[in-house]
N, C-alpha and C. Protein backbone atom coordinates (compact mmCIF):
# COMPACT_ATOMS: atom_id res chain seq x y z
N MET A 1 -67.13 17.07 -3.75
CA MET A 1 -66.92 16.24 -2.69
C MET A 1 -67.22 15.71 -2.85
N LYS A 2 -67.48 14.46 -3.76
CA LYS A 2 -67.53 13.26 -3.56
C LYS A 2 -66.36 12.74 -3.71
N ARG A 3 -65.07 13.28 -5.18
CA ARG A 3 -63.91 12.92 -5.00
C ARG A 3 -63.38 12.73 -2.93
N ALA A 4 -63.04 14.27 -3.48
CA ALA A 4 -62.55 14.18 -1.90
C ALA A 4 -63.46 12.84 -0.71
N ALA A 5 -63.90 12.21 -0.75
CA ALA A 5 -64.38 11.52 0.24
C ALA A 5 -64.19 10.37 -0.50
N ILE A 6 -63.86 10.01 -1.71
CA ILE A 6 -63.23 8.46 -2.13
C ILE A 6 -61.92 9.24 -1.80
N GLU A 7 -60.87 9.75 -2.17
CA GLU A 7 -59.49 10.08 -2.14
C GLU A 7 -59.08 10.06 -0.35
N LYS A 8 -60.15 10.35 0.53
CA LYS A 8 -60.30 10.94 1.99
C LYS A 8 -58.86 9.58 2.67
N GLU A 9 -58.93 8.69 2.55
CA GLU A 9 -57.81 7.43 2.47
C GLU A 9 -55.88 7.76 2.65
N ARG A 10 -56.42 8.08 1.28
CA ARG A 10 -54.88 8.03 0.22
C ARG A 10 -54.37 9.30 1.37
N THR A 11 -55.47 10.58 0.61
CA THR A 11 -55.06 11.92 1.28
C THR A 11 -54.62 11.95 2.64
N LEU A 12 -55.56 11.20 3.45
CA LEU A 12 -55.31 11.08 5.26
C LEU A 12 -52.82 10.45 5.08
N THR A 13 -52.86 9.38 4.45
CA THR A 13 -52.18 8.75 4.28
C THR A 13 -50.34 9.25 4.28
N THR A 14 -50.87 10.33 2.71
CA THR A 14 -49.91 11.28 2.08
C THR A 14 -49.73 12.15 3.28
N TRP A 15 -50.51 12.45 3.67
CA TRP A 15 -50.30 13.53 5.00
C TRP A 15 -49.16 13.51 5.87
N LYS A 16 -49.66 12.21 6.09
CA LYS A 16 -49.49 11.11 7.55
C LYS A 16 -47.93 10.95 7.03
N ARG A 17 -47.50 10.88 5.65
CA ARG A 17 -46.38 10.34 5.51
C ARG A 17 -45.18 12.04 5.32
N HIS A 18 -46.41 12.24 5.12
CA HIS A 18 -45.38 13.81 5.00
C HIS A 18 -44.64 14.28 6.65
N LEU A 19 -46.01 14.32 7.14
CA LEU A 19 -45.74 14.62 8.91
C LEU A 19 -44.35 14.14 9.56
N SER A 20 -44.00 12.72 8.53
CA SER A 20 -43.57 11.07 10.02
C SER A 20 -41.98 12.15 9.14
N ARG A 21 -41.63 12.82 8.10
CA ARG A 21 -40.75 13.05 8.31
C ARG A 21 -40.01 15.00 8.53
N HIS A 22 -40.92 15.25 9.20
CA HIS A 22 -40.95 16.58 9.39
C HIS A 22 -39.28 16.32 10.47
N ALA A 23 -39.05 17.39 10.99
CA ALA A 23 -37.89 16.95 12.41
C ALA A 23 -38.47 17.70 13.49
N PRO A 24 -38.73 17.18 14.48
CA PRO A 24 -39.82 17.51 15.44
C PRO A 24 -38.87 18.66 16.19
N VAL A 25 -39.54 20.03 15.83
CA VAL A 25 -39.59 21.26 16.24
C VAL A 25 -40.45 21.86 16.76
N GLU A 26 -39.98 22.92 17.91
CA GLU A 26 -41.24 23.42 18.66
C GLU A 26 -42.71 24.30 17.93
N ARG A 27 -41.98 24.92 16.64
CA ARG A 27 -42.10 25.51 15.80
C ARG A 27 -43.38 24.82 14.73
N ALA A 28 -45.03 25.21 14.84
CA ALA A 28 -45.52 24.15 13.83
C ALA A 28 -45.01 24.72 12.49
N CYS A 29 -45.79 23.28 11.57
CA CYS A 29 -45.40 23.87 9.73
C CYS A 29 -46.78 24.13 9.20
N ARG A 30 -46.85 25.10 8.60
CA ARG A 30 -48.14 25.01 8.12
C ARG A 30 -48.31 24.41 7.82
N CYS A 31 -48.47 23.33 7.26
CA CYS A 31 -48.88 22.17 6.19
C CYS A 31 -50.12 21.37 7.84
N GLU A 32 -49.25 21.50 8.77
CA GLU A 32 -49.53 20.33 9.24
C GLU A 32 -51.00 20.45 10.22
N GLN A 33 -51.54 21.64 9.80
CA GLN A 33 -53.45 21.57 10.53
C GLN A 33 -53.69 21.51 8.98
N GLN A 34 -53.20 20.55 7.55
CA GLN A 34 -54.27 21.30 6.73
C GLN A 34 -53.54 19.95 5.33
N PRO A 35 -54.79 18.56 6.23
CA PRO A 35 -54.20 17.84 5.73
C PRO A 35 -54.93 17.75 4.08
N GLY A 36 -55.88 18.52 4.06
CA GLY A 36 -56.93 18.58 2.63
C GLY A 36 -55.79 19.23 1.19
N ARG A 37 -54.63 19.97 1.75
CA ARG A 37 -53.70 19.87 0.88
C ARG A 37 -53.02 19.27 0.37
N PHE A 38 -53.09 18.22 0.37
CA PHE A 38 -52.15 17.13 -0.11
C PHE A 38 -53.22 16.40 -1.28
N ARG A 39 -55.13 16.29 -1.03
CA ARG A 39 -55.59 15.69 -1.60
C ARG A 39 -55.68 15.64 -2.44
N LYS A 40 -54.83 16.23 -3.72
CA LYS A 40 -55.05 16.05 -5.06
C LYS A 40 -53.03 15.67 -5.29
N GLY A 41 -53.65 14.08 -5.93
CA GLY A 41 -52.04 13.43 -6.06
C GLY A 41 -51.30 14.84 -7.94
N GLN A 42 -49.95 14.17 -7.85
CA GLN A 42 -48.74 15.07 -8.81
C GLN A 42 -48.74 13.99 -9.44
N ARG A 43 -48.11 14.08 -10.45
CA ARG A 43 -47.68 12.77 -11.54
C ARG A 43 -46.55 11.83 -11.17
N ALA A 44 -46.22 11.33 -11.47
CA ALA A 44 -45.42 10.46 -11.28
C ALA A 44 -43.89 10.56 -11.56
N GLY A 45 -43.45 10.91 -10.56
CA GLY A 45 -42.03 11.72 -10.28
C GLY A 45 -41.74 12.55 -11.08
N GLY A 46 -43.11 13.70 -11.22
CA GLY A 46 -42.74 15.01 -11.22
C GLY A 46 -42.48 15.79 -9.72
N CYS A 47 -42.85 17.24 -10.06
CA CYS A 47 -41.43 17.90 -8.47
C CYS A 47 -43.31 18.43 -8.66
N GLY A 48 -44.32 18.93 -9.05
CA GLY A 48 -45.08 20.00 -8.75
C GLY A 48 -44.73 21.12 -9.26
N ARG A 49 -44.08 21.43 -9.57
CA ARG A 49 -43.60 23.28 -10.38
C ARG A 49 -44.88 23.43 -11.68
N PRO A 50 -45.64 23.89 -11.70
CA PRO A 50 -45.88 23.88 -13.00
C PRO A 50 -45.08 25.14 -14.21
N ARG A 51 -44.20 25.20 -13.94
CA ARG A 51 -43.14 25.80 -14.59
C ARG A 51 -42.26 25.00 -15.16
N CYS A 52 -42.16 23.59 -14.93
CA CYS A 52 -40.57 23.11 -14.82
C CYS A 52 -41.15 22.84 -16.36
N TRP A 53 -39.75 22.71 -16.85
CA TRP A 53 -40.08 22.27 -18.52
C TRP A 53 -39.95 20.80 -18.20
N LEU A 54 -38.88 20.13 -17.73
CA LEU A 54 -38.76 18.57 -17.61
C LEU A 54 -40.12 17.90 -17.52
N CYS A 55 -40.97 18.19 -15.83
CA CYS A 55 -42.70 17.69 -16.22
C CYS A 55 -43.83 18.49 -16.79
N HIS A 56 -43.54 19.53 -17.72
CA HIS A 56 -44.17 20.44 -17.97
C HIS A 56 -44.15 20.71 -19.71
N GLY A 57 -42.97 19.50 -20.23
CA GLY A 57 -42.73 20.82 -21.71
C GLY A 57 -43.54 20.08 -22.52
N ASP A 58 -44.49 19.58 -22.66
CA ASP A 58 -45.36 19.76 -23.93
C ASP A 58 -45.80 20.78 -23.67
N LYS A 59 -47.05 21.07 -22.57
CA LYS A 59 -47.24 22.47 -22.08
C LYS A 59 -46.88 23.56 -21.97
N LEU A 60 -45.84 23.98 -21.74
CA LEU A 60 -45.24 25.22 -21.82
C LEU A 60 -45.04 25.12 -23.42
N ALA A 61 -44.64 24.70 -24.31
CA ALA A 61 -43.90 24.10 -25.49
C ALA A 61 -44.96 25.00 -26.55
N GLY A 62 -46.60 24.50 -25.56
CA GLY A 62 -47.40 24.49 -26.72
C GLY A 62 -47.79 24.01 -27.70
N ILE A 63 -47.23 22.48 -27.43
CA ILE A 63 -47.65 22.12 -28.17
C ILE A 63 -49.05 20.85 -28.00
N PRO A 64 -50.13 20.94 -28.47
CA PRO A 64 -51.49 20.85 -28.28
C PRO A 64 -51.58 19.07 -27.51
N SER A 65 -52.63 19.05 -27.01
CA SER A 65 -53.03 17.32 -26.31
C SER A 65 -53.60 16.88 -27.68
N PRO A 66 -53.66 15.50 -27.25
CA PRO A 66 -54.27 14.53 -28.61
C PRO A 66 -55.31 15.11 -28.30
N GLY A 67 -56.21 15.04 -26.91
CA GLY A 67 -57.46 15.54 -27.49
C GLY A 67 -57.97 16.45 -28.23
N LEU A 68 -57.07 17.81 -28.31
CA LEU A 68 -56.86 18.87 -28.89
C LEU A 68 -56.96 18.71 -30.03
N ARG A 69 -55.69 17.93 -30.79
CA ARG A 69 -55.60 17.72 -31.67
C ARG A 69 -56.55 17.03 -32.80
N ARG A 70 -57.38 15.84 -32.03
CA ARG A 70 -58.81 15.10 -32.32
C ARG A 70 -59.89 16.12 -32.67
N ALA A 71 -59.78 17.12 -31.90
CA ALA A 71 -61.13 18.11 -31.64
C ALA A 71 -60.89 19.01 -32.97
N LEU A 72 -59.58 19.65 -33.19
CA LEU A 72 -59.17 20.27 -34.67
C LEU A 72 -59.55 19.77 -35.97
N ALA A 73 -59.29 18.38 -35.73
CA ALA A 73 -58.95 17.44 -36.98
C ALA A 73 -60.71 17.65 -37.50
N ALA A 74 -61.52 16.83 -36.60
CA ALA A 74 -62.69 16.80 -36.88
C ALA A 74 -63.57 17.82 -37.20
N ALA A 75 -63.12 19.65 -36.66
CA ALA A 75 -63.16 20.56 -37.08
C ALA A 75 -63.45 21.32 -38.69
N SER A 76 -61.70 20.92 -38.64
CA SER A 76 -61.60 20.95 -40.37
C SER A 76 -62.06 20.77 -41.22
N GLU A 77 -62.32 18.47 -40.64
CA GLU A 77 -63.04 17.80 -41.79
C GLU A 77 -64.48 18.40 -41.99
N GLY A 78 -64.84 19.05 -40.54
CA GLY A 78 -66.68 19.32 -40.59
C GLY A 78 -66.96 20.61 -41.66
N PHE A 79 -65.72 21.79 -41.69
CA PHE A 79 -65.41 22.89 -42.28
C PHE A 79 -65.82 22.29 -43.93
N ARG A 80 -63.98 21.91 -44.10
CA ARG A 80 -64.67 20.80 -45.65
C ARG A 80 -65.47 19.92 -45.89
N GLU A 81 -66.85 19.59 -45.21
CA GLU A 81 -67.83 19.11 -46.03
C GLU A 81 -68.66 20.39 -45.57
N MET A 82 -68.83 21.16 -45.68
CA MET A 82 -69.65 22.07 -45.44
C MET A 82 -69.92 22.79 -47.08
N ALA A 83 -67.93 22.99 -46.83
CA ALA A 83 -67.72 23.99 -48.47
C ALA A 83 -68.11 23.48 -49.18
N GLU A 84 -68.27 21.67 -49.71
CA GLU A 84 -68.53 20.96 -50.60
C GLU A 84 -70.15 20.86 -50.88
């Protein structure tokens, strides 16, 4: 909840900007009463679709992240030391 409180101003700004792009219609959009829907940001220039190869190609192709590569290298080095 601390993160939500910290990001509240940005969330409401994003929500209001989204609402300003709506066409004035009688029927309300489902996002109209859901400002929390805009709490988590998207990648810069990202489309927000988790299966998009342009935005998430490394994840979909199975390329390990730098942190995972470091962890695997440390683990293999530890196993080598144990074997000696």
